[in-house]
Amino acid sequence: MARRIAASIIALAFTASSALALTITNKSGKEETVGIDYGNSEKVETVAPGKSVKIDGCDEECGVTGIWGYSWMAKTGDTLVFDENGLKPSNL
């Protein structure tokens, strides 16, 4: 019983930490690069084909941009997806 409770707590911790990040998934066939604008700082993330990256620090909102004509305001818990048509929220 204690093992099941411990396993449940660990699984919940992993689930909660995943929900506390912005996720960018690359379903395109090439490496994609995005800029993350936190307002007072910026960083660039590269996402390999078929992979995802988790971005921390978008608690309120942060800008996700690139030179290919996309720009999104995103926040913690959002998922953005690259596909053959570019970057978009996963629910579209």
PDB file of N, CA and C in Angstrom:
ATOM      1  N   MET A   1       0.814  -1.190   0.000  1.00  0.00           N
ATOM      2  CA  MET A   1       0.000   0.000   0.000  1.00  0.00           C
ATOM      3  C   MET A   1       0.863   1.263   0.000  1.00  0.00           C
ATOM      4  N   ALA A   2       1.889   1.286   0.850  1.00  0.00           N
ATOM      5  CA  ALA A   2       2.772   2.444   0.922  1.00  0.00           C
ATOM      6  C   ALA A   2       3.492   2.665  -0.399  1.00  0.00           C
ATOM      7  N   ARG A   3       3.846   1.565  -1.081  1.00  0.00           N
ATOM      8  CA  ARG A   3       4.502   1.685  -2.388  1.00  0.00           C
ATOM      9  C   ARG A   3       3.592   2.347  -3.410  1.00  0.00           C
ATOM     10  N   ARG A   4       2.324   1.979  -3.400  1.00  0.00           N
ATOM     11  CA  ARG A   4       1.364   2.574  -4.332  1.00  0.00           C
ATOM     12  C   ARG A   4       1.188   4.058  -4.062  1.00  0.00           C
ATOM     13  N   ILE A   5       1.122   4.420  -2.798  1.00  0.00           N
ATOM     14  CA  ILE A   5       0.975   5.836  -2.444  1.00  0.00           C
ATOM     15  C   ILE A   5       2.211   6.607  -2.892  1.00  0.00           C
ATOM     16  N   ALA A   6       3.392   6.071  -2.632  1.00  0.00           N
ATOM     17  CA  ALA A   6       4.630   6.733  -3.044  1.00  0.00           C
ATOM     18  C   ALA A   6       4.692   6.874  -4.556  1.00  0.00           C
ATOM     19  N   ALA A   7       4.325   5.833  -5.288  1.00  0.00           N
ATOM     20  CA  ALA A   7       4.323   5.892  -6.755  1.00  0.00           C
ATOM     21  C   ALA A   7       3.333   6.925  -7.252  1.00  0.00           C
ATOM     22  N   SER A   8       2.181   7.017  -6.603  1.00  0.00           N
ATOM     23  CA  SER A   8       1.173   8.005  -6.989  1.00  0.00           C
ATOM     24  C   SER A   8       1.669   9.422  -6.757  1.00  0.00           C
ATOM     25  N   ILE A   9       2.340   9.646  -5.644  1.00  0.00           N
ATOM     26  CA  ILE A   9       2.883  10.969  -5.334  1.00  0.00           C
ATOM     27  C   ILE A   9       3.950  11.357  -6.346  1.00  0.00           C
ATOM     28  N   ILE A  10       4.824  10.441  -6.700  1.00  0.00           N
ATOM     29  CA  ILE A  10       5.865  10.717  -7.690  1.00  0.00           C
ATOM     30  C   ILE A  10       5.242  11.027  -9.046  1.00  0.00           C
ATOM     31  N   ALA A  11       4.265  10.239  -9.459  1.00  0.00           N
ATOM     32  CA  ALA A  11       3.595  10.482 -10.739  1.00  0.00           C
ATOM     33  C   ALA A  11       2.906  11.839 -10.742  1.00  0.00           C
ATOM     34  N   LEU A  12       2.274  12.206  -9.648  1.00  0.00           N
ATOM     35  CA  LEU A  12       1.611  13.497  -9.542  1.00  0.00           C
ATOM     36  C   LEU A  12       2.619  14.630  -9.610  1.00  0.00           C
ATOM     37  N   ALA A  13       3.770  14.467  -8.995  1.00  0.00           N
ATOM     38  CA  ALA A  13       4.801  15.502  -9.038  1.00  0.00           C
ATOM     39  C   ALA A  13       5.293  15.725 -10.455  1.00  0.00           C
ATOM     40  N   PHE A  14       5.495  14.652 -11.217  1.00  0.00           N
ATOM     41  CA  PHE A  14       5.914  14.801 -12.607  1.00  0.00           C
ATOM     42  C   PHE A  14       4.825  15.466 -13.427  1.00  0.00           C
ATOM     43  N   THR A  15       3.582  15.112 -13.223  1.00  0.00           N
ATOM     44  CA  THR A  15       2.467  15.714 -13.943  1.00  0.00           C
ATOM     45  C   THR A  15       2.363  17.188 -13.611  1.00  0.00           C
ATOM     46  N   ALA A  16       2.477  17.540 -12.355  1.00  0.00           N
ATOM     47  CA  ALA A  16       2.366  18.935 -11.937  1.00  0.00           C
ATOM     48  C   ALA A  16       3.495  19.763 -12.514  1.00  0.00           C
ATOM     49  N   SER A  17       4.721  19.239 -12.520  1.00  0.00           N
ATOM     50  CA  SER A  17       5.831  20.013 -13.057  1.00  0.00           C
ATOM     51  C   SER A  17       5.679  20.210 -14.556  1.00  0.00           C
ATOM     52  N   SER A  18       5.106  19.255 -15.266  1.00  0.00           N
ATOM     53  CA  SER A  18       4.870  19.419 -16.691  1.00  0.00           C
ATOM     54  C   SER A  18       3.830  20.494 -16.951  1.00  0.00           C
ATOM     55  N   ALA A  19       2.827  20.575 -16.089  1.00  0.00           N
ATOM     56  CA  ALA A  19       1.780  21.573 -16.260  1.00  0.00           C
ATOM     57  C   ALA A  19       2.274  22.972 -15.925  1.00  0.00           C
ATOM     58  N   LEU A  20       3.404  23.077 -15.240  1.00  0.00           N
ATOM     59  CA  LEU A  20       3.938  24.365 -14.845  1.00  0.00           C
ATOM     60  C   LEU A  20       4.905  24.935 -15.873  1.00  0.00           C
ATOM     61  N   ALA A  21       4.866  24.430 -17.082  1.00  0.00           N
ATOM     62  CA  ALA A  21       5.766  24.910 -18.131  1.00  0.00           C
ATOM     63  C   ALA A  21       4.997  25.129 -19.420  1.00  0.00           C
ATOM     64  N   LEU A  22       5.527  25.991 -20.254  1.00  0.00           N
ATOM     65  CA  LEU A  22       5.059  26.142 -21.629  1.00  0.00           C
ATOM     66  C   LEU A  22       5.759  25.048 -22.424  1.00  0.00           C
ATOM     67  N   THR A  23       5.018  24.297 -23.234  1.00  0.00           N
ATOM     68  CA  THR A  23       5.597  23.214 -24.014  1.00  0.00           C
ATOM     69  C   THR A  23       5.560  23.582 -25.492  1.00  0.00           C
ATOM     70  N   ILE A  24       6.678  23.386 -26.172  1.00  0.00           N
ATOM     71  CA  ILE A  24       6.748  23.574 -27.617  1.00  0.00           C
ATOM     72  C   ILE A  24       7.153  22.237 -28.228  1.00  0.00           C
ATOM     73  N   THR A  25       6.281  21.703 -29.091  1.00  0.00           N
ATOM     74  CA  THR A  25       6.490  20.400 -29.720  1.00  0.00           C
ATOM     75  C   THR A  25       6.756  20.604 -31.202  1.00  0.00           C
ATOM     76  N   ASN A  26       7.723  19.879 -31.729  1.00  0.00           N
ATOM     77  CA  ASN A  26       8.084  19.989 -33.135  1.00  0.00           C
ATOM     78  C   ASN A  26       7.636  18.740 -33.890  1.00  0.00           C
ATOM     79  N   LYS A  27       6.564  18.874 -34.672  1.00  0.00           N
ATOM     80  CA  LYS A  27       6.087  17.779 -35.514  1.00  0.00           C
ATOM     81  C   LYS A  27       6.505  17.971 -36.967  1.00  0.00           C
ATOM     82  N   SER A  28       7.327  18.978 -37.226  1.00  0.00           N
ATOM     83  CA  SER A  28       7.825  19.185 -38.578  1.00  0.00           C
ATOM     84  C   SER A  28       9.031  18.281 -38.808  1.00  0.00           C
ATOM     85  N   GLY A  29       9.507  18.216 -39.994  1.00  0.00           N
ATOM     86  CA  GLY A  29      10.637  17.350 -40.311  1.00  0.00           C
ATOM     87  C   GLY A  29      11.982  18.025 -40.200  1.00  0.00           C
ATOM     88  N   LYS A  30      12.021  19.236 -39.635  1.00  0.00           N
ATOM     89  CA  LYS A  30      13.298  19.949 -39.529  1.00  0.00           C
ATOM     90  C   LYS A  30      13.422  20.624 -38.168  1.00  0.00           C
ATOM     91  N   GLU A  31      14.641  20.974 -37.815  1.00  0.00           N
ATOM     92  CA  GLU A  31      14.890  21.685 -36.573  1.00  0.00           C
ATOM     93  C   GLU A  31      14.228  23.061 -36.634  1.00  0.00           C
ATOM     94  N   GLU A  32      13.592  23.479 -35.537  1.00  0.00           N
ATOM     95  CA  GLU A  32      12.920  24.769 -35.464  1.00  0.00           C
ATOM     96  C   GLU A  32      13.513  25.585 -34.326  1.00  0.00           C
ATOM     97  N   THR A  33      13.545  26.905 -34.490  1.00  0.00           N
ATOM     98  CA  THR A  33      14.089  27.805 -33.480  1.00  0.00           C
ATOM     99  C   THR A  33      13.037  28.837 -33.117  1.00  0.00           C
ATOM    100  N   VAL A  34      12.880  29.097 -31.825  1.00  0.00           N
ATOM    101  CA  VAL A  34      11.936  30.103 -31.346  1.00  0.00           C
ATOM    102  C   VAL A  34      12.638  31.021 -30.362  1.00  0.00           C
ATOM    103  N   GLY A  35      12.185  32.260 -30.332  1.00  0.00           N
ATOM    104  CA  GLY A  35      12.643  33.215 -29.327  1.00  0.00           C
ATOM    105  C   GLY A  35      11.585  33.315 -28.247  1.00  0.00           C
ATOM    106  N   ILE A  36      12.010  33.316 -27.007  1.00  0.00           N
ATOM    107  CA  ILE A  36      11.103  33.451 -25.874  1.00  0.00           C
ATOM    108  C   ILE A  36      11.396  34.801 -25.229  1.00  0.00           C
ATOM    109  N   ASP A  37      10.397  35.690 -25.215  1.00  0.00           N
ATOM    110  CA  ASP A  37      10.537  37.037 -24.666  1.00  0.00           C
ATOM    111  C   ASP A  37       9.779  37.103 -23.348  1.00  0.00           C
ATOM    112  N   TYR A  38      10.522  37.226 -22.252  1.00  0.00           N
ATOM    113  CA  TYR A  38       9.937  37.290 -20.915  1.00  0.00           C
ATOM    114  C   TYR A  38       9.608  38.719 -20.492  1.00  0.00           C
ATOM    115  N   GLY A  39       9.878  39.682 -21.339  1.00  0.00           N
ATOM    116  CA  GLY A  39       9.657  41.088 -20.996  1.00  0.00           C
ATOM    117  C   GLY A  39      10.960  41.758 -20.608  1.00  0.00           C
ATOM    118  N   ASN A  40      11.625  41.247 -19.582  1.00  0.00           N
ATOM    119  CA  ASN A  40      12.896  41.834 -19.156  1.00  0.00           C
ATOM    120  C   ASN A  40      14.096  40.988 -19.576  1.00  0.00           C
ATOM    121  N   SER A  41      13.848  39.860 -20.207  1.00  0.00           N
ATOM    122  CA  SER A  41      14.931  39.015 -20.725  1.00  0.00           C
ATOM    123  C   SER A  41      14.398  38.170 -21.880  1.00  0.00           C
ATOM    124  N   GLU A  42      15.315  37.630 -22.645  1.00  0.00           N
ATOM    125  CA  GLU A  42      14.966  36.796 -23.792  1.00  0.00           C
ATOM    126  C   GLU A  42      15.895  35.595 -23.847  1.00  0.00           C
ATOM    127  N   LYS A  43      15.418  34.538 -24.498  1.00  0.00           N
ATOM    128  CA  LYS A  43      16.293  33.400 -24.781  1.00  0.00           C
ATOM    129  C   LYS A  43      15.809  32.732 -26.056  1.00  0.00           C
ATOM    130  N   VAL A  44      16.681  31.968 -26.668  1.00  0.00           N
ATOM    131  CA  VAL A  44      16.377  31.251 -27.898  1.00  0.00           C
ATOM    132  C   VAL A  44      16.408  29.763 -27.600  1.00  0.00           C
ATOM    133  N   GLU A  45      15.393  29.056 -28.077  1.00  0.00           N
ATOM    134  CA  GLU A  45      15.318  27.602 -27.914  1.00  0.00           C
ATOM    135  C   GLU A  45      15.297  26.949 -29.287  1.00  0.00           C
ATOM    136  N   THR A  46      15.994  25.845 -29.420  1.00  0.00           N
ATOM    137  CA  THR A  46      15.983  25.048 -30.633  1.00  0.00           C
ATOM    138  C   THR A  46      15.283  23.735 -30.323  1.00  0.00           C
ATOM    139  N   VAL A  47      14.342  23.349 -31.208  1.00  0.00           N
ATOM    140  CA  VAL A  47      13.567  22.129 -30.992  1.00  0.00           C
ATOM    141  C   VAL A  47      13.840  21.177 -32.151  1.00  0.00           C
ATOM    142  N   ALA A  48      14.406  20.026 -31.854  1.00  0.00           N
ATOM    143  CA  ALA A  48      14.722  19.023 -32.872  1.00  0.00           C
ATOM    144  C   ALA A  48      13.430  18.400 -33.406  1.00  0.00           C
ATOM    145  N   PRO A  49      13.461  17.871 -34.631  1.00  0.00           N
ATOM    146  CA  PRO A  49      12.271  17.212 -35.191  1.00  0.00           C
ATOM    147  C   PRO A  49      11.793  16.071 -34.287  1.00  0.00           C
ATOM    148  N   GLY A  50      10.488  16.029 -34.035  1.00  0.00           N
ATOM    149  CA  GLY A  50       9.907  14.969 -33.225  1.00  0.00           C
ATOM    150  C   GLY A  50      10.111  15.132 -31.729  1.00  0.00           C
ATOM    151  N   LYS A  51      10.686  16.239 -31.301  1.00  0.00           N
ATOM    152  CA  LYS A  51      10.971  16.459 -29.873  1.00  0.00           C
ATOM    153  C   LYS A  51      10.140  17.615 -29.327  1.00  0.00           C
ATOM    154  N   SER A  52      10.153  17.761 -28.001  1.00  0.00           N
ATOM    155  CA  SER A  52       9.486  18.860 -27.314  1.00  0.00           C
ATOM    156  C   SER A  52      10.465  19.508 -26.352  1.00  0.00           C
ATOM    157  N   VAL A  53      10.238  20.789 -26.071  1.00  0.00           N
ATOM    158  CA  VAL A  53      10.978  21.473 -25.015  1.00  0.00           C
ATOM    159  C   VAL A  53       9.966  22.087 -24.065  1.00  0.00           C
ATOM    160  N   LYS A  54      10.333  22.127 -22.809  1.00  0.00           N
ATOM    161  CA  LYS A  54       9.512  22.757 -21.780  1.00  0.00           C
ATOM    162  C   LYS A  54      10.190  24.062 -21.392  1.00  0.00           C
ATOM    163  N   ILE A  55       9.407  25.138 -21.410  1.00  0.00           N
ATOM    164  CA  ILE A  55       9.917  26.477 -21.111  1.00  0.00           C
ATOM    165  C   ILE A  55       9.321  26.921 -19.780  1.00  0.00           C
ATOM    166  N   ASP A  56      10.158  27.192 -18.799  1.00  0.00           N
ATOM    167  CA  ASP A  56       9.706  27.707 -17.518  1.00  0.00           C
ATOM    168  C   ASP A  56       9.758  29.234 -17.542  1.00  0.00           C
ATOM    169  N   GLY A  57       8.956  29.849 -16.696  1.00  0.00           N
ATOM    170  CA  GLY A  57       9.035  31.292 -16.528  1.00  0.00           C
ATOM    171  C   GLY A  57       7.969  32.090 -17.246  1.00  0.00           C
ATOM    172  N   CYS A  58       7.024  31.447 -17.897  1.00  0.00           N
ATOM    173  CA  CYS A  58       5.937  32.162 -18.576  1.00  0.00           C
ATOM    174  C   CYS A  58       4.706  32.212 -17.677  1.00  0.00           C
ATOM    175  N   ASP A  59       4.896  32.556 -16.422  1.00  0.00           N
ATOM    176  CA  ASP A  59       3.804  32.516 -15.452  1.00  0.00           C
ATOM    177  C   ASP A  59       2.635  33.408 -15.863  1.00  0.00           C
ATOM    178  N   GLU A  60       2.883  34.644 -16.172  1.00  0.00           N
ATOM    179  CA  GLU A  60       1.828  35.541 -16.644  1.00  0.00           C
ATOM    180  C   GLU A  60       1.667  35.328 -18.144  1.00  0.00           C
ATOM    181  N   GLU A  61       2.568  35.887 -18.908  1.00  0.00           N
ATOM    182  CA  GLU A  61       2.619  35.672 -20.358  1.00  0.00           C
ATOM    183  C   GLU A  61       4.025  35.944 -20.837  1.00  0.00           C
ATOM    184  N   CYS A  62       4.387  35.303 -21.925  1.00  0.00           N
ATOM    185  CA  CYS A  62       5.644  35.609 -22.587  1.00  0.00           C
ATOM    186  C   CYS A  62       5.403  35.521 -24.089  1.00  0.00           C
ATOM    187  N   GLY A  63       6.213  36.211 -24.840  1.00  0.00           N
ATOM    188  CA  GLY A  63       6.093  36.182 -26.292  1.00  0.00           C
ATOM    189  C   GLY A  63       6.924  35.055 -26.868  1.00  0.00           C
ATOM    190  N   VAL A  64       6.359  34.355 -27.831  1.00  0.00           N
ATOM    191  CA  VAL A  64       7.067  33.304 -28.555  1.00  0.00           C
ATOM    192  C   VAL A  64       7.125  33.785 -29.999  1.00  0.00           C
ATOM    193  N   THR A  65       8.337  34.024 -30.496  1.00  0.00           N
ATOM    194  CA  THR A  65       8.486  34.650 -31.806  1.00  0.00           C
ATOM    195  C   THR A  65       9.536  33.961 -32.652  1.00  0.00           C
ATOM    196  N   GLY A  66       9.503  34.291 -33.928  1.00  0.00           N
ATOM    197  CA  GLY A  66      10.510  33.809 -34.858  1.00  0.00           C
ATOM    198  C   GLY A  66      10.503  34.660 -36.107  1.00  0.00           C
ATOM    199  N   ILE A  67      11.448  34.434 -36.952  1.00  0.00           N
ATOM    200  CA  ILE A  67      11.567  35.251 -38.160  1.00  0.00           C
ATOM    201  C   ILE A  67      10.675  34.750 -39.286  1.00  0.00           C
ATOM    202  N   TRP A  68       9.867  33.734 -39.024  1.00  0.00           N
ATOM    203  CA  TRP A  68       9.060  33.128 -40.073  1.00  0.00           C
ATOM    204  C   TRP A  68       7.606  33.564 -40.047  1.00  0.00           C
ATOM    205  N   GLY A  69       7.333  34.706 -39.445  1.00  0.00           N
ATOM    206  CA  GLY A  69       5.996  35.255 -39.498  1.00  0.00           C
ATOM    207  C   GLY A  69       5.042  34.750 -38.439  1.00  0.00           C
ATOM    208  N   TYR A  70       5.512  34.313 -37.299  1.00  0.00           N
ATOM    209  CA  TYR A  70       4.606  33.932 -36.227  1.00  0.00           C
ATOM    210  C   TYR A  70       4.980  34.682 -34.959  1.00  0.00           C
ATOM    211  N   SER A  71       3.995  34.879 -34.140  1.00  0.00           N
ATOM    212  CA  SER A  71       4.192  35.488 -32.845  1.00  0.00           C
ATOM    213  C   SER A  71       2.994  35.133 -31.976  1.00  0.00           C
ATOM    214  N   TRP A  72       3.247  34.562 -30.821  1.00  0.00           N
ATOM    215  CA  TRP A  72       2.175  34.155 -29.914  1.00  0.00           C
ATOM    216  C   TRP A  72       2.467  34.680 -28.526  1.00  0.00           C
ATOM    217  N   MET A  73       1.423  35.072 -27.829  1.00  0.00           N
ATOM    218  CA  MET A  73       1.532  35.316 -26.397  1.00  0.00           C
ATOM    219  C   MET A  73       1.139  34.005 -25.735  1.00  0.00           C
ATOM    220  N   ALA A  74       2.007  33.481 -24.912  1.00  0.00           N
ATOM    221  CA  ALA A  74       1.782  32.180 -24.293  1.00  0.00           C
ATOM    222  C   ALA A  74       1.974  32.292 -22.792  1.00  0.00           C
ATOM    223  N   LYS A  75       1.487  31.287 -22.081  1.00  0.00           N
ATOM    224  CA  LYS A  75       1.641  31.265 -20.630  1.00  0.00           C
ATOM    225  C   LYS A  75       1.854  29.830 -20.158  1.00  0.00           C
ATOM    226  N   THR A  76       2.190  29.697 -18.911  1.00  0.00           N
ATOM    227  CA  THR A  76       2.407  28.393 -18.302  1.00  0.00           C
ATOM    228  C   THR A  76       1.213  27.490 -18.557  1.00  0.00           C
ATOM    229  N   GLY A  77       1.485  26.262 -18.974  1.00  0.00           N
ATOM    230  CA  GLY A  77       0.436  25.284 -19.246  1.00  0.00           C
ATOM    231  C   GLY A  77       0.043  25.206 -20.710  1.00  0.00           C
ATOM    232  N   ASP A  78       0.394  26.216 -21.509  1.00  0.00           N
ATOM    233  CA  ASP A  78       0.084  26.185 -22.940  1.00  0.00           C
ATOM    234  C   ASP A  78       0.988  25.198 -23.661  1.00  0.00           C
ATOM    235  N   THR A  79       0.501  24.692 -24.794  1.00  0.00           N
ATOM    236  CA  THR A  79       1.311  23.858 -25.678  1.00  0.00           C
ATOM    237  C   THR A  79       1.231  24.440 -27.078  1.00  0.00           C
ATOM    238  N   LEU A  80       2.385  24.733 -27.661  1.00  0.00           N
ATOM    239  CA  LEU A  80       2.478  25.198 -29.042  1.00  0.00           C
ATOM    240  C   LEU A  80       3.114  24.088 -29.866  1.00  0.00           C
ATOM    241  N   VAL A  81       2.679  23.963 -31.136  1.00  0.00           N
ATOM    242  CA  VAL A  81       3.153  22.871 -31.980  1.00  0.00           C
ATOM    243  C   VAL A  81       3.634  23.422 -33.318  1.00  0.00           C
ATOM    244  N   PHE A  82       4.856  23.017 -33.699  1.00  0.00           N
ATOM    245  CA  PHE A  82       5.338  23.244 -35.058  1.00  0.00           C
ATOM    246  C   PHE A  82       4.841  22.097 -35.921  1.00  0.00           C
ATOM    247  N   ASP A  83       4.298  22.400 -37.097  1.00  0.00           N
ATOM    248  CA  ASP A  83       4.007  21.370 -38.089  1.00  0.00           C
ATOM    249  C   ASP A  83       4.374  21.938 -39.446  1.00  0.00           C
ATOM    250  N   GLU A  84       3.925  21.306 -40.521  1.00  0.00           N
ATOM    251  CA  GLU A  84       4.295  21.766 -41.860  1.00  0.00           C
ATOM    252  C   GLU A  84       3.759  23.160 -42.177  1.00  0.00           C
ATOM    253  N   ASN A  85       2.804  23.661 -41.374  1.00  0.00           N
ATOM    254  CA  ASN A  85       2.231  24.994 -41.594  1.00  0.00           C
ATOM    255  C   ASN A  85       2.782  26.049 -40.657  1.00  0.00           C
ATOM    256  N   GLY A  86       3.759  25.721 -39.834  1.00  0.00           N
ATOM    257  CA  GLY A  86       4.342  26.689 -38.902  1.00  0.00           C
ATOM    258  C   GLY A  86       3.997  26.383 -37.461  1.00  0.00           C
ATOM    259  N   LEU A  87       4.008  27.415 -36.633  1.00  0.00           N
ATOM    260  CA  LEU A  87       3.764  27.272 -35.197  1.00  0.00           C
ATOM    261  C   LEU A  87       2.352  27.712 -34.875  1.00  0.00           C
ATOM    262  N   LYS A  88       1.658  26.929 -34.021  1.00  0.00           N
ATOM    263  CA  LYS A  88       0.300  27.282 -33.612  1.00  0.00           C
ATOM    264  C   LYS A  88      -0.018  26.620 -32.278  1.00  0.00           C
ATOM    265  N   PRO A  89      -1.035  27.111 -31.569  1.00  0.00           N
ATOM    266  CA  PRO A  89      -1.456  26.441 -30.340  1.00  0.00           C
ATOM    267  C   PRO A  89      -1.935  25.022 -30.676  1.00  0.00           C
ATOM    268  N   SER A  90      -1.729  24.101 -29.760  1.00  0.00           N
ATOM    269  CA  SER A  90      -2.071  22.702 -30.024  1.00  0.00           C
ATOM    270  C   SER A  90      -3.570  22.472 -30.163  1.00  0.00           C
ATOM    271  N   ASN A  91      -4.397  23.379 -29.667  1.00  0.00           N
ATOM    272  CA  ASN A  91      -5.839  23.180 -29.744  1.00  0.00           C
ATOM    273  C   ASN A  91      -6.455  23.674 -31.047  1.00  0.00           C
ATOM    274  N   LEU A  92      -5.655  24.139 -31.984  1.00  0.00           N
ATOM    275  CA  LEU A  92      -6.188  24.561 -33.299  1.00  0.00           C
ATOM    276  C   LEU A  92      -6.045  23.484 -34.331  1.00  0.00           C
TER     277      LEU A  92
END
